[in-house]
Protein backbone atom coordinates (compact mmCIF):
# COMPACT_ATOMS: atom_id res chain seq x y z
CA MET A 1 98.69 92.04 74.20
CA THR A 2 98.10 95.29 72.30
CA VAL A 3 95.39 97.79 73.12
CA THR A 4 93.65 99.22 70.08
CA LEU A 5 90.72 101.57 69.86
CA THR A 6 88.57 100.59 66.93
CA GLY A 7 85.83 103.18 67.24
CA THR A 8 87.29 106.07 69.23
CA THR A 9 89.98 108.70 69.06
CA VAL A 10 91.99 110.41 71.78
CA VAL A 11 91.57 114.17 72.09
CA ALA A 12 93.43 114.74 75.37
CA ALA A 13 95.66 112.64 77.60
CA ALA A 14 97.80 112.83 80.73
CA VAL A 15 99.99 110.58 82.85
CA VAL A 16 101.03 111.30 86.43
CA ASP A 17 103.80 108.99 87.61
CA THR A 18 104.92 109.80 91.14
CA ALA A 19 108.22 108.03 90.44
CA THR A 20 109.21 111.02 88.33
CA GLU A 21 107.19 113.82 89.96
CA GLY A 22 109.42 116.28 91.75
CA GLU A 23 106.79 117.82 94.01
CA GLU A 24 103.95 116.58 96.18
CA LEU A 25 100.60 116.59 94.39
CA PRO A 26 98.06 119.22 95.47
CA GLY A 27 95.58 117.98 98.06
CA VAL A 28 91.85 117.69 97.51
CA PRO A 29 89.55 119.52 99.96
CA GLY A 30 87.58 117.03 102.04
CA PHE A 31 89.94 114.10 101.38
CA VAL A 32 92.62 113.00 103.84
CA VAL A 33 95.46 110.51 104.43
CA SER A 34 95.62 108.85 101.01
CA SER A 35 97.45 109.89 97.83
CA PHE A 36 94.81 108.14 95.69
CA ASN A 37 92.43 111.08 95.45
CA PRO A 38 95.03 113.82 94.78
CA LEU A 39 96.52 111.52 92.15
CA VAL A 40 93.21 111.08 90.32
CA ARG A 41 92.35 114.78 90.51
CA GLU A 42 95.75 115.98 89.29
CA THR A 43 95.77 113.54 86.37
CA VAL A 44 92.31 114.67 85.26
CA ARG A 45 93.30 118.32 85.64
CA ARG A 46 96.34 117.79 83.42
CA CYS A 47 94.21 115.97 80.85
CA LEU A 48 91.29 118.40 80.73
CA GLY A 49 92.82 121.63 82.00
CA GLU A 50 91.30 123.72 84.78
CA PRO A 51 87.53 123.32 85.33
CA GLY A 52 86.64 126.80 84.09
CA THR A 53 83.80 129.11 85.09
CA PRO A 54 80.25 129.78 83.82
CA ASP A 55 81.61 132.77 81.87
CA ALA A 56 84.67 130.89 80.57
CA PRO A 57 83.85 127.16 80.52
CA ASN A 58 86.47 124.49 80.06
CA PRO A 59 86.91 124.04 76.28
CA LEU A 60 86.92 120.25 76.48
CA THR A 61 83.99 119.74 78.85
CA GLY A 62 82.04 122.99 78.59
CA PRO A 63 80.24 121.99 75.35
CA TYR A 64 79.41 118.53 76.76
CA PRO A 65 78.31 118.88 80.42
CA ASP A 66 75.52 116.32 80.16
CA SER A 67 77.10 114.02 77.58
CA THR A 68 80.52 113.37 79.12
CA ALA A 69 80.77 109.96 80.75
CA ILE A 70 83.51 108.89 83.16
CA VAL A 71 85.03 105.40 83.41
CA LEU A 72 87.58 104.72 86.16
CA THR A 73 89.47 101.43 86.24
CA THR A 74 91.63 100.05 89.03
CA VAL A 75 92.49 96.79 90.74
CA ALA A 76 93.10 97.64 94.40
CA ALA A 77 91.48 101.10 94.38
CA ASP A 78 92.23 103.32 97.40
CA ALA A 79 93.89 100.68 99.54
CA THR A 80 95.44 103.32 101.80
CA THR A 81 92.05 104.57 102.91
CA SER A 82 90.56 101.08 103.22
CA ASP A 83 93.47 99.83 105.30
CA THR A 84 93.55 102.89 107.54
CA ALA A 85 89.84 102.61 108.28
CA SER A 86 90.15 98.87 108.93
CA GLN A 87 93.10 99.32 111.27
CA LYS A 88 91.21 101.94 113.28
CA LEU A 89 88.21 99.63 113.49
CA VAL A 90 90.26 96.65 114.68
CA ALA A 91 92.09 98.80 117.23
CA GLY A 92 88.81 100.15 118.61
CA ARG A 93 89.83 103.72 117.85
CA VAL A 94 87.52 106.61 117.00
CA HIS A 95 86.46 106.43 113.37
CA ASN A 96 87.05 109.25 110.94
CA PRO A 97 83.89 109.57 108.79
CA LEU A 98 85.98 110.88 105.90
CA LEU A 99 87.73 107.53 105.63
CA PHE A 100 84.48 105.70 105.03
CA PHE A 101 83.35 108.34 102.54
CA GLN A 102 86.52 108.30 100.46
CA SER A 103 86.96 104.52 100.57
CA VAL A 104 84.25 104.48 97.89
CA THR A 105 86.01 105.01 94.56
CA THR A 106 83.17 107.08 93.15
CA SER A 107 83.76 109.73 95.83
CA ILE A 108 86.69 111.37 94.01
CA VAL A 109 85.03 110.86 90.62
CA GLY A 110 81.89 112.56 91.92
CA HIS A 111 84.02 115.39 93.26
CA LEU A 112 85.56 115.87 89.81
CA ALA A 113 82.15 115.71 88.13
CA ILE A 114 81.00 118.58 90.36
CA GLU A 115 84.18 120.58 89.69
CA TYR A 116 83.78 120.25 85.92
CA GLY A 117 79.98 120.46 85.90
CA LEU A 118 79.56 116.98 84.41
CA THR A 119 76.27 115.10 84.79
CA GLY A 120 76.90 112.15 82.48
CA PRO A 121 77.09 108.53 83.67
CA ILE A 122 79.92 107.38 85.96
CA HIS A 123 81.31 103.85 86.01
CA CYS A 124 84.05 102.46 88.26
CA ILE A 125 85.53 99.11 87.20
CA ALA A 126 87.53 96.84 89.48
CA ALA A 127 89.15 94.32 87.15
CA ASP A 128 91.83 91.84 88.18
CA ASP A 129 92.59 90.96 84.55
CA GLY A 130 92.54 93.14 81.45
CA ALA A 131 91.64 96.32 83.34
CA ASP A 132 92.79 98.51 80.45
CA THR A 133 90.88 96.69 77.70
CA THR A 134 87.80 96.48 79.92
CA ALA A 135 87.80 100.25 80.42
CA LEU A 136 88.32 100.97 76.73
CA GLN A 137 85.62 98.53 75.69
CA ALA A 138 83.23 100.12 78.18
CA SER A 139 84.03 103.51 76.65
CA GLU A 140 83.30 102.28 73.15
CA LEU A 141 79.98 100.88 74.32
CA LEU A 142 79.09 104.21 75.93
CA LEU A 143 79.90 106.06 72.72
CA LEU A 144 77.40 103.88 70.85
CA ASP A 145 74.78 105.84 72.77
CA ASP A 146 73.86 108.98 70.84
CA THR A 147 73.44 110.87 74.11
CA ILE A 148 77.14 110.42 74.96
CA ASP A 149 79.66 112.59 73.11
CA GLN A 150 82.85 111.76 74.99
CA VAL A 151 84.24 109.53 77.71
CA LEU A 152 86.91 110.38 80.25
CA VAL A 153 88.86 107.19 81.02
CA ILE A 154 90.92 107.12 84.21
CA GLY A 155 93.29 104.29 85.09
CA VAL A 156 94.78 104.51 88.58
CA GLU A 157 96.79 102.28 90.89
CA LEU A 158 98.78 102.94 94.03
CA ALA A 159 102.13 101.30 94.70
CA ALA A 160 101.56 98.09 96.60
CA ASN A 161 101.45 97.96 100.37
CA PRO A 162 101.94 94.62 102.21
CA ARG A 163 98.28 93.61 101.88
CA THR A 164 97.82 94.55 98.24
CA ALA A 165 101.22 93.08 97.34
CA ALA A 166 99.99 89.73 98.63
CA ALA A 167 96.75 90.15 96.68
CA PHE A 168 98.63 90.95 93.47
CA GLU A 169 100.82 87.90 93.98
CA ARG A 170 97.71 85.73 94.20
CA LEU A 171 96.39 87.28 90.98
CA ALA A 172 99.67 86.55 89.23
CA ALA A 173 99.61 82.96 90.47
CA ALA A 174 96.12 82.63 89.00
CA GLY A 175 97.36 83.87 85.63
CA HIS A 176 95.80 87.33 85.80
CA ASP A 177 97.67 90.37 84.53
CA GLY A 178 96.81 92.76 87.36
CA ARG A 179 100.06 93.96 88.92
CA PRO A 180 100.97 97.14 90.80
CA PRO A 181 103.13 99.99 89.52
CA ALA A 182 106.45 100.75 91.17
CA ALA A 183 105.05 104.08 92.36
CA ASP A 184 101.59 105.66 92.45
CA LEU A 185 100.47 106.06 88.84
CA ALA A 186 97.41 107.38 87.01
CA VAL A 187 96.43 107.86 83.36
CA ALA A 188 93.60 109.93 81.89
CA LEU A 189 92.32 109.78 78.31
CA LEU A 190 89.48 111.80 76.80
CA LEU A 191 87.89 109.73 74.03
CA ARG A 192 85.43 110.68 71.31
CA ARG A 193 84.09 109.13 68.15
CA PRO A 194 86.33 109.48 65.08
CA GLY A 195 86.11 112.84 63.37
CA GLN A 196 85.21 114.93 66.42
CA ASP A 197 88.18 117.31 66.36
CA ALA A 198 90.54 114.46 67.25
CA VAL A 199 94.03 114.32 65.83
CA LEU A 200 95.01 110.79 66.80
CA ALA A 201 93.12 108.00 65.07
CA GLU A 202 93.31 104.28 65.85
CA PRO A 203 96.19 104.56 68.35
CA GLU A 204 97.98 101.46 69.58
CA ALA A 205 99.67 101.30 72.97
CA THR A 206 102.90 99.85 71.64
CA SER A 207 105.16 102.89 71.63
CA PRO A 208 108.39 102.45 73.61
CA GLY A 209 109.77 104.80 76.21
CA ARG A 210 107.86 104.04 79.40
CA ASP A 211 109.08 101.26 81.66
CA ASP A 212 106.45 98.56 81.31
CA ALA A 213 107.40 96.84 84.55
CA ALA A 214 107.36 100.08 86.55
CA ALA A 215 103.89 101.00 85.24
CA GLY A 216 102.31 97.71 86.29
CA HIS A 217 99.06 96.76 84.58
CA LEU A 218 98.57 100.38 83.49
CA TYR A 219 101.55 100.30 81.11
CA ARG A 220 99.40 99.94 77.99
CA LEU A 221 97.14 102.86 78.93
CA ALA A 222 100.20 104.90 79.88
CA ALA A 223 101.89 104.15 76.55
CA LEU A 224 98.69 105.05 74.73
CA ALA A 225 98.55 108.36 76.61
CA ASP A 226 102.21 109.06 75.89
CA ARG A 227 101.68 108.50 72.19
CA ALA A 228 98.55 110.64 72.18
CA ARG A 229 100.30 113.51 73.95
CA ARG A 230 103.14 113.47 71.43
CA SER A 231 100.71 113.44 68.51
CA LEU A 232 98.59 116.18 70.04
CA GLY A 233 101.63 118.27 70.90
CA GLU A 234 100.55 118.53 74.54
CA GLU A 235 102.96 119.57 77.25
CA ARG A 236 100.73 118.82 80.26
């Protein structure tokens, strides 16, 4: 299957693949244990740049604080946090409130919205089949709304642990395309309507170079981001 964007263009993109990252990702204040939240934050930072300040706002989000929507797509979400909290509960150990807070996927997205001063709508999609196309279609629908100028799409998946590996195997047996990456992986794409300072029109996620199997169900979004970054001349 090929992912095409019929009514949007990519103006910024980033991929963070921990299989090729040489250093540990920066932590996120208030988040513990899991790599999910640092992964999401670092990918968004590489896509958008630093958040900026009131005197020097971020060039990509500063003009659109109220009209930037966020769509995050995943299959297993932050399984590390969910499993850690569950194990503590079963063992009768003292609960860490942070684990319950960050087990909700919107927690890290809300954190990023605060960092970048974004007040547009936030959607988190858990799709066991066609997660990439679902996220892109949701973005196109959002951009039909005149009050939305751009959509930040985030695709994220952690490498499988024993529980999620079993879940992914069941999805595959049912004919669904959800499958985990070989290592923690996230993709970020900033989408706008055609003609809004974008340099990549109608991209297709068919460009070679990234290991499809290693990227799991995010390989099409990752290939789309790779192509966008080359076309935009980005080094992030």
